[in-house]
Amino acid sequence: EMVRRMGLYPILEDFRPVEQCNLD
C-alpha cells in the first residue's frame, strides 16, 4: 500500500523500489 500510494505523487509516479531498509 505504501508503494501504491507513492505512485499518486508526480515525483514518484514511476518509482519502483527494489530495496527496503527499516532502521530502528
mmCIF file of all heavy atoms, coordinates in Angstrom:
data_MODEL
# 
_entry.id   MODEL 
# 
loop_
_atom_site.group_PDB 
_atom_site.id 
_atom_site.type_symbol 
_atom_site.label_atom_id 
_atom_site.label_alt_id 
_atom_site.label_comp_id 
_atom_site.label_asym_id 
_atom_site.label_entity_id 
_atom_site.label_seq_id 
_atom_site.pdbx_PDB_ins_code 
_atom_site.Cartn_x 
_atom_site.Cartn_y 
_atom_site.Cartn_z 
_atom_site.occupancy 
_atom_site.B_iso_or_equiv 
_atom_site.pdbx_formal_charge 
_atom_site.auth_seq_id 
_atom_site.auth_comp_id 
_atom_site.auth_asym_id 
_atom_site.auth_atom_id 
_atom_site.pdbx_PDB_model_num 
ATOM 1   N N   . GLU A 1 1  ? 0.821  -1.200 0.000   1.00 0.00 ? 1  GLU A N   1 
ATOM 2   C CA  . GLU A 1 1  ? 0.000  0.000  0.000   1.00 0.00 ? 1  GLU A CA  1 
ATOM 3   C C   . GLU A 1 1  ? 0.860  1.258  0.000   1.00 0.00 ? 1  GLU A C   1 
ATOM 4   O O   . GLU A 1 1  ? 0.518  2.249  -0.670  1.00 0.00 ? 1  GLU A O   1 
ATOM 5   C CB  . GLU A 1 1  ? -0.934 0.010  1.207   1.00 0.00 ? 1  GLU A CB  1 
ATOM 6   C CG  . GLU A 1 1  ? -1.699 1.313  1.437   1.00 0.00 ? 1  GLU A CG  1 
ATOM 7   C CD  . GLU A 1 1  ? -2.565 1.741  0.248   1.00 0.00 ? 1  GLU A CD  1 
ATOM 8   O OE1 . GLU A 1 1  ? -2.946 0.870  -0.576  1.00 0.00 ? 1  GLU A OE1 1 
ATOM 9   O OE2 . GLU A 1 1  ? -2.861 2.940  0.142   1.00 0.00 ? 1  GLU A OE2 1 
ATOM 10  N N   . MET A 1 2  ? 1.979  1.254  0.701   1.00 0.00 ? 2  MET A N   1 
ATOM 11  C CA  . MET A 1 2  ? 2.860  2.424  0.694   1.00 0.00 ? 2  MET A CA  1 
ATOM 12  C C   . MET A 1 2  ? 3.395  2.694  -0.707  1.00 0.00 ? 2  MET A C   1 
ATOM 13  O O   . MET A 1 2  ? 3.419  3.839  -1.167  1.00 0.00 ? 2  MET A O   1 
ATOM 14  C CB  . MET A 1 2  ? 4.022  2.218  1.665   1.00 0.00 ? 2  MET A CB  1 
ATOM 15  C CG  . MET A 1 2  ? 3.660  2.375  3.126   1.00 0.00 ? 2  MET A CG  1 
ATOM 16  S SD  . MET A 1 2  ? 5.133  2.383  4.187   1.00 0.00 ? 2  MET A SD  1 
ATOM 17  C CE  . MET A 1 2  ? 5.585  0.649  4.154   1.00 0.00 ? 2  MET A CE  1 
ATOM 18  N N   . VAL A 1 3  ? 3.825  1.631  -1.403  1.00 0.00 ? 3  VAL A N   1 
ATOM 19  C CA  . VAL A 1 3  ? 4.362  1.805  -2.753  1.00 0.00 ? 3  VAL A CA  1 
ATOM 20  C C   . VAL A 1 3  ? 3.276  2.281  -3.708  1.00 0.00 ? 3  VAL A C   1 
ATOM 21  O O   . VAL A 1 3  ? 3.498  3.152  -4.558  1.00 0.00 ? 3  VAL A O   1 
ATOM 22  C CB  . VAL A 1 3  ? 4.990  0.485  -3.244  1.00 0.00 ? 3  VAL A CB  1 
ATOM 23  C CG1 . VAL A 1 3  ? 5.413  0.597  -4.707  1.00 0.00 ? 3  VAL A CG1 1 
ATOM 24  C CG2 . VAL A 1 3  ? 6.199  0.114  -2.379  1.00 0.00 ? 3  VAL A CG2 1 
ATOM 25  N N   . ARG A 1 4  ? 2.073  1.738  -3.570  1.00 0.00 ? 4  ARG A N   1 
ATOM 26  C CA  . ARG A 1 4  ? 0.960  2.189  -4.415  1.00 0.00 ? 4  ARG A CA  1 
ATOM 27  C C   . ARG A 1 4  ? 0.685  3.670  -4.186  1.00 0.00 ? 4  ARG A C   1 
ATOM 28  O O   . ARG A 1 4  ? 0.486  4.439  -5.142  1.00 0.00 ? 4  ARG A O   1 
ATOM 29  C CB  . ARG A 1 4  ? -0.299 1.370  -4.094  1.00 0.00 ? 4  ARG A CB  1 
ATOM 30  C CG  . ARG A 1 4  ? -1.502 1.711  -4.994  1.00 0.00 ? 4  ARG A CG  1 
ATOM 31  C CD  . ARG A 1 4  ? -2.819 1.345  -4.342  1.00 0.00 ? 4  ARG A CD  1 
ATOM 32  N NE  . ARG A 1 4  ? -3.091 2.171  -3.170  1.00 0.00 ? 4  ARG A NE  1 
ATOM 33  C CZ  . ARG A 1 4  ? -3.616 3.389  -3.237  1.00 0.00 ? 4  ARG A CZ  1 
ATOM 34  N NH1 . ARG A 1 4  ? -3.891 3.951  -4.415  1.00 0.00 ? 4  ARG A NH1 1 
ATOM 35  N NH2 . ARG A 1 4  ? -3.861 4.073  -2.132  1.00 0.00 ? 4  ARG A NH2 1 
ATOM 36  N N   . ARG A 1 5  ? 0.692  4.083  -2.944  1.00 0.00 ? 5  ARG A N   1 
ATOM 37  C CA  . ARG A 1 5  ? 0.395  5.478  -2.598  1.00 0.00 ? 5  ARG A CA  1 
ATOM 38  C C   . ARG A 1 5  ? 1.475  6.421  -3.114  1.00 0.00 ? 5  ARG A C   1 
ATOM 39  O O   . ARG A 1 5  ? 1.195  7.548  -3.520  1.00 0.00 ? 5  ARG A O   1 
ATOM 40  C CB  . ARG A 1 5  ? 0.243  5.602  -1.081  1.00 0.00 ? 5  ARG A CB  1 
ATOM 41  C CG  . ARG A 1 5  ? -0.387 6.907  -0.613  1.00 0.00 ? 5  ARG A CG  1 
ATOM 42  C CD  . ARG A 1 5  ? -0.622 6.869  0.888   1.00 0.00 ? 5  ARG A CD  1 
ATOM 43  N NE  . ARG A 1 5  ? -1.527 5.787  1.275   1.00 0.00 ? 5  ARG A NE  1 
ATOM 44  C CZ  . ARG A 1 5  ? -1.843 5.480  2.533   1.00 0.00 ? 5  ARG A CZ  1 
ATOM 45  N NH1 . ARG A 1 5  ? -1.307 6.164  3.526   1.00 0.00 ? 5  ARG A NH1 1 
ATOM 46  N NH2 . ARG A 1 5  ? -2.670 4.489  2.785   1.00 0.00 ? 5  ARG A NH2 1 
ATOM 47  N N   . MET A 1 6  ? 2.721  5.986  -3.098  1.00 0.00 ? 6  MET A N   1 
ATOM 48  C CA  . MET A 1 6  ? 3.799  6.824  -3.638  1.00 0.00 ? 6  MET A CA  1 
ATOM 49  C C   . MET A 1 6  ? 3.521  7.204  -5.085  1.00 0.00 ? 6  MET A C   1 
ATOM 50  O O   . MET A 1 6  ? 3.790  8.333  -5.510  1.00 0.00 ? 6  MET A O   1 
ATOM 51  C CB  . MET A 1 6  ? 5.138  6.083  -3.555  1.00 0.00 ? 6  MET A CB  1 
ATOM 52  C CG  . MET A 1 6  ? 5.692  5.895  -2.168  1.00 0.00 ? 6  MET A CG  1 
ATOM 53  S SD  . MET A 1 6  ? 7.233  4.927  -2.245  1.00 0.00 ? 6  MET A SD  1 
ATOM 54  C CE  . MET A 1 6  ? 7.386  4.411  -0.541  1.00 0.00 ? 6  MET A CE  1 
ATOM 55  N N   . GLY A 1 7  ? 3.000  6.254  -5.847  1.00 0.00 ? 7  GLY A N   1 
ATOM 56  C CA  . GLY A 1 7  ? 2.751  6.488  -7.263  1.00 0.00 ? 7  GLY A CA  1 
ATOM 57  C C   . GLY A 1 7  ? 1.698  7.541  -7.543  1.00 0.00 ? 7  GLY A C   1 
ATOM 58  O O   . GLY A 1 7  ? 1.550  7.975  -8.693  1.00 0.00 ? 7  GLY A O   1 
ATOM 59  N N   . LEU A 1 8  ? 0.977  7.993  -6.520  1.00 0.00 ? 8  LEU A N   1 
ATOM 60  C CA  . LEU A 1 8  ? -0.032 9.030  -6.698  1.00 0.00 ? 8  LEU A CA  1 
ATOM 61  C C   . LEU A 1 8  ? 0.579  10.426 -6.744  1.00 0.00 ? 8  LEU A C   1 
ATOM 62  O O   . LEU A 1 8  ? -0.088 11.384 -7.108  1.00 0.00 ? 8  LEU A O   1 
ATOM 63  C CB  . LEU A 1 8  ? -1.062 8.957  -5.561  1.00 0.00 ? 8  LEU A CB  1 
ATOM 64  C CG  . LEU A 1 8  ? -1.817 7.632  -5.424  1.00 0.00 ? 8  LEU A CG  1 
ATOM 65  C CD1 . LEU A 1 8  ? -2.761 7.703  -4.224  1.00 0.00 ? 8  LEU A CD1 1 
ATOM 66  C CD2 . LEU A 1 8  ? -2.582 7.298  -6.696  1.00 0.00 ? 8  LEU A CD2 1 
ATOM 67  N N   . TYR A 1 9  ? 1.854  10.534 -6.361  1.00 0.00 ? 9  TYR A N   1 
ATOM 68  C CA  . TYR A 1 9  ? 2.539  11.827 -6.365  1.00 0.00 ? 9  TYR A CA  1 
ATOM 69  C C   . TYR A 1 9  ? 3.400  11.941 -7.619  1.00 0.00 ? 9  TYR A C   1 
ATOM 70  O O   . TYR A 1 9  ? 4.124  10.996 -7.960  1.00 0.00 ? 9  TYR A O   1 
ATOM 71  C CB  . TYR A 1 9  ? 3.408  11.970 -5.118  1.00 0.00 ? 9  TYR A CB  1 
ATOM 72  C CG  . TYR A 1 9  ? 2.613  11.996 -3.834  1.00 0.00 ? 9  TYR A CG  1 
ATOM 73  C CD1 . TYR A 1 9  ? 2.250  10.804 -3.196  1.00 0.00 ? 9  TYR A CD1 1 
ATOM 74  C CD2 . TYR A 1 9  ? 2.213  13.203 -3.256  1.00 0.00 ? 9  TYR A CD2 1 
ATOM 75  C CE1 . TYR A 1 9  ? 1.512  10.818 -2.017  1.00 0.00 ? 9  TYR A CE1 1 
ATOM 76  C CE2 . TYR A 1 9  ? 1.478  13.219 -2.077  1.00 0.00 ? 9  TYR A CE2 1 
ATOM 77  C CZ  . TYR A 1 9  ? 1.138  12.030 -1.466  1.00 0.00 ? 9  TYR A CZ  1 
ATOM 78  O OH  . TYR A 1 9  ? 0.407  12.036 -0.306  1.00 0.00 ? 9  TYR A OH  1 
ATOM 79  N N   . PRO A 1 10 ? 3.352  13.084 -8.320  1.00 0.00 ? 10 PRO A N   1 
ATOM 80  C CA  . PRO A 1 10 ? 4.102  13.229 -9.581  1.00 0.00 ? 10 PRO A CA  1 
ATOM 81  C C   . PRO A 1 10 ? 5.582  12.877 -9.463  1.00 0.00 ? 10 PRO A C   1 
ATOM 82  O O   . PRO A 1 10 ? 6.138  12.236 -10.364 1.00 0.00 ? 10 PRO A O   1 
ATOM 83  C CB  . PRO A 1 10 ? 3.902  14.706 -9.937  1.00 0.00 ? 10 PRO A CB  1 
ATOM 84  C CG  . PRO A 1 10 ? 2.586  15.061 -9.318  1.00 0.00 ? 10 PRO A CG  1 
ATOM 85  C CD  . PRO A 1 10 ? 2.516  14.276 -8.045  1.00 0.00 ? 10 PRO A CD  1 
ATOM 86  N N   . ILE A 1 11 ? 6.221  13.241 -8.379  1.00 0.00 ? 11 ILE A N   1 
ATOM 87  C CA  . ILE A 1 11 ? 7.659  12.984 -8.253  1.00 0.00 ? 11 ILE A CA  1 
ATOM 88  C C   . ILE A 1 11 ? 7.962  11.498 -8.113  1.00 0.00 ? 11 ILE A C   1 
ATOM 89  O O   . ILE A 1 11 ? 9.087  11.053 -8.343  1.00 0.00 ? 11 ILE A O   1 
ATOM 90  C CB  . ILE A 1 11 ? 8.243  13.769 -7.049  1.00 0.00 ? 11 ILE A CB  1 
ATOM 91  C CG1 . ILE A 1 11 ? 9.779  13.746 -7.108  1.00 0.00 ? 11 ILE A CG1 1 
ATOM 92  C CG2 . ILE A 1 11 ? 7.725  13.204 -5.718  1.00 0.00 ? 11 ILE A CG2 1 
ATOM 93  C CD1 . ILE A 1 11 ? 10.451 14.620 -6.090  1.00 0.00 ? 11 ILE A CD1 1 
ATOM 94  N N   . LEU A 1 12 ? 6.937  10.680 -7.781  1.00 0.00 ? 12 LEU A N   1 
ATOM 95  C CA  . LEU A 1 12 ? 7.153  9.252  -7.560  1.00 0.00 ? 12 LEU A CA  1 
ATOM 96  C C   . LEU A 1 12 ? 6.259  8.368  -8.427  1.00 0.00 ? 12 LEU A C   1 
ATOM 97  O O   . LEU A 1 12 ? 6.150  7.163  -8.177  1.00 0.00 ? 12 LEU A O   1 
ATOM 98  C CB  . LEU A 1 12 ? 6.903  8.913  -6.074  1.00 0.00 ? 12 LEU A CB  1 
ATOM 99  C CG  . LEU A 1 12 ? 7.877  9.534  -5.064  1.00 0.00 ? 12 LEU A CG  1 
ATOM 100 C CD1 . LEU A 1 12 ? 7.394  9.273  -3.645  1.00 0.00 ? 12 LEU A CD1 1 
ATOM 101 C CD2 . LEU A 1 12 ? 9.281  8.992  -5.262  1.00 0.00 ? 12 LEU A CD2 1 
ATOM 102 N N   . GLU A 1 13 ? 5.650  8.933  -9.461  1.00 0.00 ? 13 GLU A N   1 
ATOM 103 C CA  . GLU A 1 13 ? 4.676  8.162  -10.230 1.00 0.00 ? 13 GLU A CA  1 
ATOM 104 C C   . GLU A 1 13 ? 5.283  6.959  -10.937 1.00 0.00 ? 13 GLU A C   1 
ATOM 105 O O   . GLU A 1 13 ? 4.580  5.976  -11.204 1.00 0.00 ? 13 GLU A O   1 
ATOM 106 C CB  . GLU A 1 13 ? 3.956  9.063  -11.239 1.00 0.00 ? 13 GLU A CB  1 
ATOM 107 C CG  . GLU A 1 13 ? 4.846  9.729  -12.264 1.00 0.00 ? 13 GLU A CG  1 
ATOM 108 C CD  . GLU A 1 13 ? 4.065  10.664 -13.166 1.00 0.00 ? 13 GLU A CD  1 
ATOM 109 O OE1 . GLU A 1 13 ? 2.831  10.761 -12.975 1.00 0.00 ? 13 GLU A OE1 1 
ATOM 110 O OE2 . GLU A 1 13 ? 4.670  11.289 -14.054 1.00 0.00 ? 13 GLU A OE2 1 
ATOM 111 N N   . ASP A 1 14 ? 6.586  6.991  -11.224 1.00 0.00 ? 14 ASP A N   1 
ATOM 112 C CA  . ASP A 1 14 ? 7.238  5.840  -11.860 1.00 0.00 ? 14 ASP A CA  1 
ATOM 113 C C   . ASP A 1 14 ? 8.273  5.203  -10.932 1.00 0.00 ? 14 ASP A C   1 
ATOM 114 O O   . ASP A 1 14 ? 9.154  4.474  -11.384 1.00 0.00 ? 14 ASP A O   1 
ATOM 115 C CB  . ASP A 1 14 ? 7.906  6.252  -13.176 1.00 0.00 ? 14 ASP A CB  1 
ATOM 116 C CG  . ASP A 1 14 ? 8.979  7.319  -12.975 1.00 0.00 ? 14 ASP A CG  1 
ATOM 117 O OD1 . ASP A 1 14 ? 9.015  7.936  -11.888 1.00 0.00 ? 14 ASP A OD1 1 
ATOM 118 O OD2 . ASP A 1 14 ? 9.780  7.538  -13.896 1.00 0.00 ? 14 ASP A OD2 1 
ATOM 119 N N   . PHE A 1 15 ? 8.149  5.444  -9.636  1.00 0.00 ? 15 PHE A N   1 
ATOM 120 C CA  . PHE A 1 15 ? 9.104  4.909  -8.663  1.00 0.00 ? 15 PHE A CA  1 
ATOM 121 C C   . PHE A 1 15 ? 8.804  3.438  -8.388  1.00 0.00 ? 15 PHE A C   1 
ATOM 122 O O   . PHE A 1 15 ? 7.702  3.081  -7.972  1.00 0.00 ? 15 PHE A O   1 
ATOM 123 C CB  . PHE A 1 15 ? 9.024  5.714  -7.362  1.00 0.00 ? 15 PHE A CB  1 
ATOM 124 C CG  . PHE A 1 15 ? 10.038 5.294  -6.326  1.00 0.00 ? 15 PHE A CG  1 
ATOM 125 C CD1 . PHE A 1 15 ? 11.384 5.615  -6.471  1.00 0.00 ? 15 PHE A CD1 1 
ATOM 126 C CD2 . PHE A 1 15 ? 9.649  4.584  -5.197  1.00 0.00 ? 15 PHE A CD2 1 
ATOM 127 C CE1 . PHE A 1 15 ? 12.314 5.246  -5.517  1.00 0.00 ? 15 PHE A CE1 1 
ATOM 128 C CE2 . PHE A 1 15 ? 10.575 4.214  -4.236  1.00 0.00 ? 15 PHE A CE2 1 
ATOM 129 C CZ  . PHE A 1 15 ? 11.913 4.537  -4.396  1.00 0.00 ? 15 PHE A CZ  1 
ATOM 130 N N   . ARG A 1 16 ? 9.809  2.591  -8.628  1.00 0.00 ? 16 ARG A N   1 
ATOM 131 C CA  . ARG A 1 16 ? 9.659  1.146  -8.419  1.00 0.00 ? 16 ARG A CA  1 
ATOM 132 C C   . ARG A 1 16 ? 10.794 0.673  -7.523  1.00 0.00 ? 16 ARG A C   1 
ATOM 133 O O   . ARG A 1 16 ? 11.891 0.376  -7.991  1.00 0.00 ? 16 ARG A O   1 
ATOM 134 C CB  . ARG A 1 16 ? 9.672  0.416  -9.770  1.00 0.00 ? 16 ARG A CB  1 
ATOM 135 C CG  . ARG A 1 16 ? 8.582  0.894  -10.722 1.00 0.00 ? 16 ARG A CG  1 
ATOM 136 C CD  . ARG A 1 16 ? 8.746  0.281  -12.099 1.00 0.00 ? 16 ARG A CD  1 
ATOM 137 N NE  . ARG A 1 16 ? 8.399  -1.131 -12.107 1.00 0.00 ? 16 ARG A NE  1 
ATOM 138 C CZ  . ARG A 1 16 ? 8.697  -1.973 -13.092 1.00 0.00 ? 16 ARG A CZ  1 
ATOM 139 N NH1 . ARG A 1 16 ? 9.391  -1.540 -14.135 1.00 0.00 ? 16 ARG A NH1 1 
ATOM 140 N NH2 . ARG A 1 16 ? 8.336  -3.238 -13.033 1.00 0.00 ? 16 ARG A NH2 1 
ATOM 141 N N   . PRO A 1 17 ? 10.555 0.596  -6.229  1.00 0.00 ? 17 PRO A N   1 
ATOM 142 C CA  . PRO A 1 17 ? 11.633 0.245  -5.304  1.00 0.00 ? 17 PRO A CA  1 
ATOM 143 C C   . PRO A 1 17 ? 12.060 -1.203 -5.428  1.00 0.00 ? 17 PRO A C   1 
ATOM 144 O O   . PRO A 1 17 ? 11.245 -2.097 -5.656  1.00 0.00 ? 17 PRO A O   1 
ATOM 145 C CB  . PRO A 1 17 ? 11.013 0.514  -3.929  1.00 0.00 ? 17 PRO A CB  1 
ATOM 146 C CG  . PRO A 1 17 ? 9.543  0.344  -4.148  1.00 0.00 ? 17 PRO A CG  1 
ATOM 147 C CD  . PRO A 1 17 ? 9.283  0.835  -5.543  1.00 0.00 ? 17 PRO A CD  1 
ATOM 148 N N   . VAL A 1 18 ? 13.364 -1.411 -5.285  1.00 0.00 ? 18 VAL A N   1 
ATOM 149 C CA  . VAL A 1 18 ? 13.919 -2.760 -5.361  1.00 0.00 ? 18 VAL A CA  1 
ATOM 150 C C   . VAL A 1 18 ? 14.554 -3.148 -4.027  1.00 0.00 ? 18 VAL A C   1 
ATOM 151 O O   . VAL A 1 18 ? 15.015 -4.273 -3.860  1.00 0.00 ? 18 VAL A O   1 
ATOM 152 C CB  . VAL A 1 18 ? 14.942 -2.846 -6.504  1.00 0.00 ? 18 VAL A CB  1 
ATOM 153 C CG1 . VAL A 1 18 ? 16.245 -2.133 -6.130  1.00 0.00 ? 18 VAL A CG1 1 
ATOM 154 C CG2 . VAL A 1 18 ? 15.210 -4.278 -6.916  1.00 0.00 ? 18 VAL A CG2 1 
ATOM 155 N N   . GLU A 1 19 ? 14.556 -2.214 -3.077  1.00 0.00 ? 19 GLU A N   1 
ATOM 156 C CA  . GLU A 1 19 ? 15.135 -2.486 -1.770  1.00 0.00 ? 19 GLU A CA  1 
ATOM 157 C C   . GLU A 1 19 ? 14.432 -1.649 -0.720  1.00 0.00 ? 19 GLU A C   1 
ATOM 158 O O   . GLU A 1 19 ? 14.009 -0.513 -0.981  1.00 0.00 ? 19 GLU A O   1 
ATOM 159 C CB  . GLU A 1 19 ? 16.628 -2.156 -1.773  1.00 0.00 ? 19 GLU A CB  1 
ATOM 160 C CG  . GLU A 1 19 ? 17.395 -2.666 -0.561  1.00 0.00 ? 19 GLU A CG  1 
ATOM 161 C CD  . GLU A 1 19 ? 17.802 -1.585 0.408   1.00 0.00 ? 19 GLU A CD  1 
ATOM 162 O OE1 . GLU A 1 19 ? 17.312 -0.442 0.265   1.00 0.00 ? 19 GLU A OE1 1 
ATOM 163 O OE2 . GLU A 1 19 ? 18.595 -1.867 1.315   1.00 0.00 ? 19 GLU A OE2 1 
ATOM 164 N N   . GLN A 1 20 ? 14.247 -2.247 0.465   1.00 0.00 ? 20 GLN A N   1 
ATOM 165 C CA  . GLN A 1 20 ? 13.673 -1.553 1.603   1.00 0.00 ? 20 GLN A CA  1 
ATOM 166 C C   . GLN A 1 20 ? 14.536 -1.838 2.828   1.00 0.00 ? 20 GLN A C   1 
ATOM 167 O O   . GLN A 1 20 ? 14.868 -2.983 3.112   1.00 0.00 ? 20 GLN A O   1 
ATOM 168 C CB  . GLN A 1 20 ? 12.237 -2.023 1.873   1.00 0.00 ? 20 GLN A CB  1 
ATOM 169 C CG  . GLN A 1 20 ? 11.615 -1.440 3.137   1.00 0.00 ? 20 GLN A CG  1 
ATOM 170 C CD  . GLN A 1 20 ? 10.191 -1.895 3.352   1.00 0.00 ? 20 GLN A CD  1 
ATOM 171 O OE1 . GLN A 1 20 ? 9.470  -2.181 2.383   1.00 0.00 ? 20 GLN A OE1 1 
ATOM 172 N NE2 . GLN A 1 20 ? 9.760  -1.974 4.602   1.00 0.00 ? 20 GLN A NE2 1 
ATOM 173 N N   . CYS A 1 21 ? 14.889 -0.783 3.546   1.00 0.00 ? 21 CYS A N   1 
ATOM 174 C CA  . CYS A 1 21 ? 15.688 -0.922 4.759   1.00 0.00 ? 21 CYS A CA  1 
ATOM 175 C C   . CYS A 1 21 ? 14.962 -0.230 5.903   1.00 0.00 ? 21 CYS A C   1 
ATOM 176 O O   . CYS A 1 21 ? 14.699 0.984  5.830   1.00 0.00 ? 21 CYS A O   1 
ATOM 177 C CB  . CYS A 1 21 ? 17.077 -0.319 4.566   1.00 0.00 ? 21 CYS A CB  1 
ATOM 178 S SG  . CYS A 1 21 ? 18.131 -0.433 6.031   1.00 0.00 ? 21 CYS A SG  1 
ATOM 179 N N   . ASN A 1 22 ? 14.617 -0.980 6.940   1.00 0.00 ? 22 ASN A N   1 
ATOM 180 C CA  . ASN A 1 22 ? 13.997 -0.422 8.134   1.00 0.00 ? 22 ASN A CA  1 
ATOM 181 C C   . ASN A 1 22 ? 15.081 -0.209 9.181   1.00 0.00 ? 22 ASN A C   1 
ATOM 182 O O   . ASN A 1 22 ? 15.837 -1.132 9.488   1.00 0.00 ? 22 ASN A O   1 
ATOM 183 C CB  . ASN A 1 22 ? 12.937 -1.371 8.697   1.00 0.00 ? 22 ASN A CB  1 
ATOM 184 C CG  . ASN A 1 22 ? 11.875 -1.741 7.679   1.00 0.00 ? 22 ASN A CG  1 
ATOM 185 O OD1 . ASN A 1 22 ? 11.620 -0.982 6.738   1.00 0.00 ? 22 ASN A OD1 1 
ATOM 186 N ND2 . ASN A 1 22 ? 11.243 -2.882 7.850   1.00 0.00 ? 22 ASN A ND2 1 
ATOM 187 N N   . LEU A 1 23 ? 15.162 0.991  9.726   1.00 0.00 ? 23 LEU A N   1 
ATOM 188 C CA  . LEU A 1 23 ? 16.136 1.301  10.763  1.00 0.00 ? 23 LEU A CA  1 
ATOM 189 C C   . LEU A 1 23 ? 15.419 1.735  12.032  1.00 0.00 ? 23 LEU A C   1 
ATOM 190 O O   . LEU A 1 23 ? 14.500 2.565  11.983  1.00 0.00 ? 23 LEU A O   1 
ATOM 191 C CB  . LEU A 1 23 ? 17.094 2.406  10.310  1.00 0.00 ? 23 LEU A CB  1 
ATOM 192 C CG  . LEU A 1 23 ? 18.076 2.053  9.191   1.00 0.00 ? 23 LEU A CG  1 
ATOM 193 C CD1 . LEU A 1 23 ? 18.928 3.267  8.834   1.00 0.00 ? 23 LEU A CD1 1 
ATOM 194 C CD2 . LEU A 1 23 ? 18.963 0.886  9.589   1.00 0.00 ? 23 LEU A CD2 1 
ATOM 195 N N   . ASP A 1 24 ? 15.851 1.182  13.152  1.00 0.00 ? 24 ASP A N   1 
ATOM 196 C CA  . ASP A 1 24 ? 15.261 1.470  14.459  1.00 0.00 ? 24 ASP A CA  1 
ATOM 197 C C   . ASP A 1 24 ? 16.246 2.302  15.278  1.00 0.00 ? 24 ASP A C   1 
ATOM 198 O O   . ASP A 1 24 ? 17.392 1.875  15.518  1.00 0.00 ? 24 ASP A O   1 
ATOM 199 C CB  . ASP A 1 24 ? 14.949 0.145  15.173  1.00 0.00 ? 24 ASP A CB  1 
ATOM 200 C CG  . ASP A 1 24 ? 14.410 0.355  16.576  1.00 0.00 ? 24 ASP A CG  1 
ATOM 201 O OD1 . ASP A 1 24 ? 13.310 0.906  16.700  1.00 0.00 ? 24 ASP A OD1 1 
ATOM 202 O OD2 . ASP A 1 24 ? 15.096 -0.035 17.542  1.00 0.00 ? 24 ASP A OD2 1 
# 
